[in-house]
C-alpha atoms as a PDB file:
ATOM      1  CA  MET A   1      -4.575   6.412  14.185  1.00  0.00           C
ATOM      2  CA  SER A   2      -6.620   8.229  16.747  1.00  0.00           C
ATOM      3  CA  ASP A   3      -8.877   6.825  19.469  1.00  0.00           C
ATOM      4  CA  GLY A   4     -12.209   5.731  18.067  1.00  0.00           C
ATOM      5  CA  GLU A   5     -10.821   5.168  14.577  1.00  0.00           C
ATOM      6  CA  TYR A   6     -11.334   1.696  13.147  1.00  0.00           C
ATOM      7  CA  LEU A   7      -8.243  -0.233  12.079  1.00  0.00           C
ATOM      8  CA  PHE A   8     -10.205  -1.974   9.316  1.00  0.00           C
ATOM      9  CA  GLN A   9     -12.553   0.537   7.785  1.00  0.00           C
ATOM     10  CA  SER A  10     -15.322   0.022   5.301  1.00  0.00           C
ATOM     11  CA  CYS A  11     -15.036   1.619   1.885  1.00  0.00           C
ATOM     12  CA  LYS A  12     -18.666   2.695   2.242  1.00  0.00           C
ATOM     13  CA  GLY A  13     -18.113   5.627   4.573  1.00  0.00           C
ATOM     14  CA  LYS A  14     -15.641   7.568   6.639  1.00  0.00           C
ATOM     15  CA  ASN A  15     -14.723   5.767   9.847  1.00  0.00           C
ATOM     16  CA  LYS A  16     -17.258   2.968   9.424  1.00  0.00           C
ATOM     17  CA  PRO A  17     -16.145  -0.497  10.535  1.00  0.00           C
ATOM     18  CA  LEU A  18     -15.540  -3.288   8.062  1.00  0.00           C
ATOM     19  CA  THR A  19     -18.536  -5.617   8.316  1.00  0.00           C
ATOM     20  CA  ARG A  20     -18.313  -9.346   8.883  1.00  0.00           C
ATOM     21  CA  GLY A  21     -19.321  -9.899   5.251  1.00  0.00           C
ATOM     22  CA  GLY A  22     -16.680  -7.422   4.110  1.00  0.00           C
ATOM     23  CA  TYR A  23     -14.070  -9.280   6.121  1.00  0.00           C
ATOM     24  CA  TYR A  24     -15.081 -12.595   4.525  1.00  0.00           C
ATOM     25  CA  LYS A  25     -14.700 -11.023   1.072  1.00  0.00           C
ATOM     26  CA  VAL A  26     -11.209  -9.752   1.917  1.00  0.00           C
ATOM     27  CA  ILE A  27     -10.158 -13.152   3.288  1.00  0.00           C
ATOM     28  CA  ALA A  28     -11.556 -14.894   0.181  1.00  0.00           C
ATOM     29  CA  LYS A  29      -9.469 -12.634  -2.064  1.00  0.00           C
ATOM     30  CA  VAL A  30      -6.352 -13.255   0.022  1.00  0.00           C
ATOM     31  CA  GLU A  31      -6.931 -17.018  -0.053  1.00  0.00           C
ATOM     32  CA  LYS A  32      -7.321 -16.939  -3.821  1.00  0.00           C
ATOM     33  CA  ALA A  33      -4.215 -14.783  -4.306  1.00  0.00           C
ATOM     34  CA  LEU A  34      -2.157 -17.130  -2.111  1.00  0.00           C
ATOM     35  CA  ASN A  35      -3.794 -20.300  -3.481  1.00  0.00           C
ATOM     36  CA  ARG A  36      -4.758 -21.294   0.066  1.00  0.00           C
ATOM     37  CA  HIS A  37      -7.948 -22.548   1.618  1.00  0.00           C
ATOM     38  CA  ASP A  38      -7.196 -22.501   5.341  1.00  0.00           C
ATOM     39  CA  LEU A  39      -7.800 -18.884   6.369  1.00  0.00           C
ATOM     40  CA  GLY A  40     -10.793 -17.955   8.471  1.00  0.00           C
ATOM     41  CA  THR A  41     -12.316 -15.438  10.805  1.00  0.00           C
ATOM     42  CA  HIS A  42      -9.905 -16.187  13.625  1.00  0.00           C
ATOM     43  CA  THR A  43      -6.738 -16.154  11.525  1.00  0.00           C
ATOM     44  CA  MET A  44      -5.797 -12.559  12.321  1.00  0.00           C
ATOM     45  CA  ARG A  45      -6.926 -12.849  15.951  1.00  0.00           C
ATOM     46  CA  LYS A  46      -4.808 -15.956  16.537  1.00  0.00           C
ATOM     47  CA  THR A  47      -1.834 -14.452  14.704  1.00  0.00           C
ATOM     48  CA  TYR A  48      -2.061 -11.306  16.818  1.00  0.00           C
ATOM     49  CA  GLY A  49      -2.256 -13.391  20.004  1.00  0.00           C
ATOM     50  CA  TYR A  50       0.695 -15.550  19.005  1.00  0.00           C
ATOM     51  CA  HIS A  51       2.944 -12.579  18.212  1.00  0.00           C
ATOM     52  CA  PHE A  52       1.781 -10.635  21.283  1.00  0.00           C
ATOM     53  CA  TYR A  53       2.772 -13.573  23.477  1.00  0.00           C
ATOM     54  CA  LYS A  54       6.097 -14.169  21.711  1.00  0.00           C
ATOM     55  CA  ASP A  55       6.976 -10.476  22.061  1.00  0.00           C
ATOM     56  CA  LYS A  56       5.679  -9.682  25.563  1.00  0.00           C
ATOM     57  CA  LYS A  57       5.505 -13.088  27.310  1.00  0.00           C
ATOM     58  CA  ASP A  58       2.443 -11.721  29.149  1.00  0.00           C
ATOM     59  CA  ILE A  59      -0.199 -14.443  29.139  1.00  0.00           C
ATOM     60  CA  GLY A  60      -2.401 -12.607  31.665  1.00  0.00           C
ATOM     61  CA  THR A  61      -2.863  -9.530  29.501  1.00  0.00           C
ATOM     62  CA  LEU A  62      -3.348 -11.685  26.421  1.00  0.00           C
ATOM     63  CA  MET A  63      -6.055 -13.653  28.234  1.00  0.00           C
ATOM     64  CA  MET A  64      -7.902 -10.388  28.877  1.00  0.00           C
ATOM     65  CA  ILE A  65      -7.449  -9.210  25.271  1.00  0.00           C
ATOM     66  CA  LEU A  66      -8.814 -12.485  23.909  1.00  0.00           C
ATOM     67  CA  ASN A  67     -11.454 -12.743  26.647  1.00  0.00           C
ATOM     68  CA  HIS A  68     -10.299 -16.179  27.795  1.00  0.00           C
ATOM     69  CA  SER A  69     -10.889 -17.430  31.336  1.00  0.00           C
ATOM     70  CA  ASN A  70      -7.676 -19.425  31.806  1.00  0.00           C
ATOM     71  CA  GLU A  71      -4.102 -19.749  30.565  1.00  0.00           C
ATOM     72  CA  ALA A  72      -4.562 -23.223  29.110  1.00  0.00           C
ATOM     73  CA  THR A  73      -7.313 -22.020  26.772  1.00  0.00           C
ATOM     74  CA  THR A  74      -5.205 -19.077  25.605  1.00  0.00           C
ATOM     75  CA  LYS A  75      -2.094 -21.199  25.032  1.00  0.00           C
ATOM     76  CA  ARG A  76      -4.080 -23.804  23.108  1.00  0.00           C
ATOM     77  CA  TYR A  77      -5.792 -21.083  21.038  1.00  0.00           C
ATOM     78  CA  ILE A  78      -2.501 -19.493  19.924  1.00  0.00           C
ATOM     79  CA  GLY A  79      -0.733 -22.841  19.527  1.00  0.00           C
ATOM     80  CA  ILE A  80       1.817 -22.463  22.316  1.00  0.00           C
ATOM     81  CA  THR A  81       2.827 -25.671  24.118  1.00  0.00           C
ATOM     82  CA  ASP A  82       4.132 -25.958  27.652  1.00  0.00           C
ATOM     83  CA  ASP A  83       7.514 -26.971  26.193  1.00  0.00           C
ATOM     84  CA  GLU A  84       7.755 -23.604  24.419  1.00  0.00           C
ATOM     85  CA  VAL A  85       6.822 -21.717  27.607  1.00  0.00           C
END
């Protein structure tokens, strides 16, 4: 990928972002295929945050990425407890 290229692109045009509605449609198809009903708009964001933290152990950078104002919010959001830290 190059700078300025969208990771999730719309099928409607070259280098157009996937819309919110398009994302909901994708998630609905994934839920149906997996016979699940617990995926939502933050699923990928939380998963990214969780794996970023597990890999890098850098809560400060993750806070900036997720636009959180404190560590406690970020840890709670990604499901990390103080015992795990």
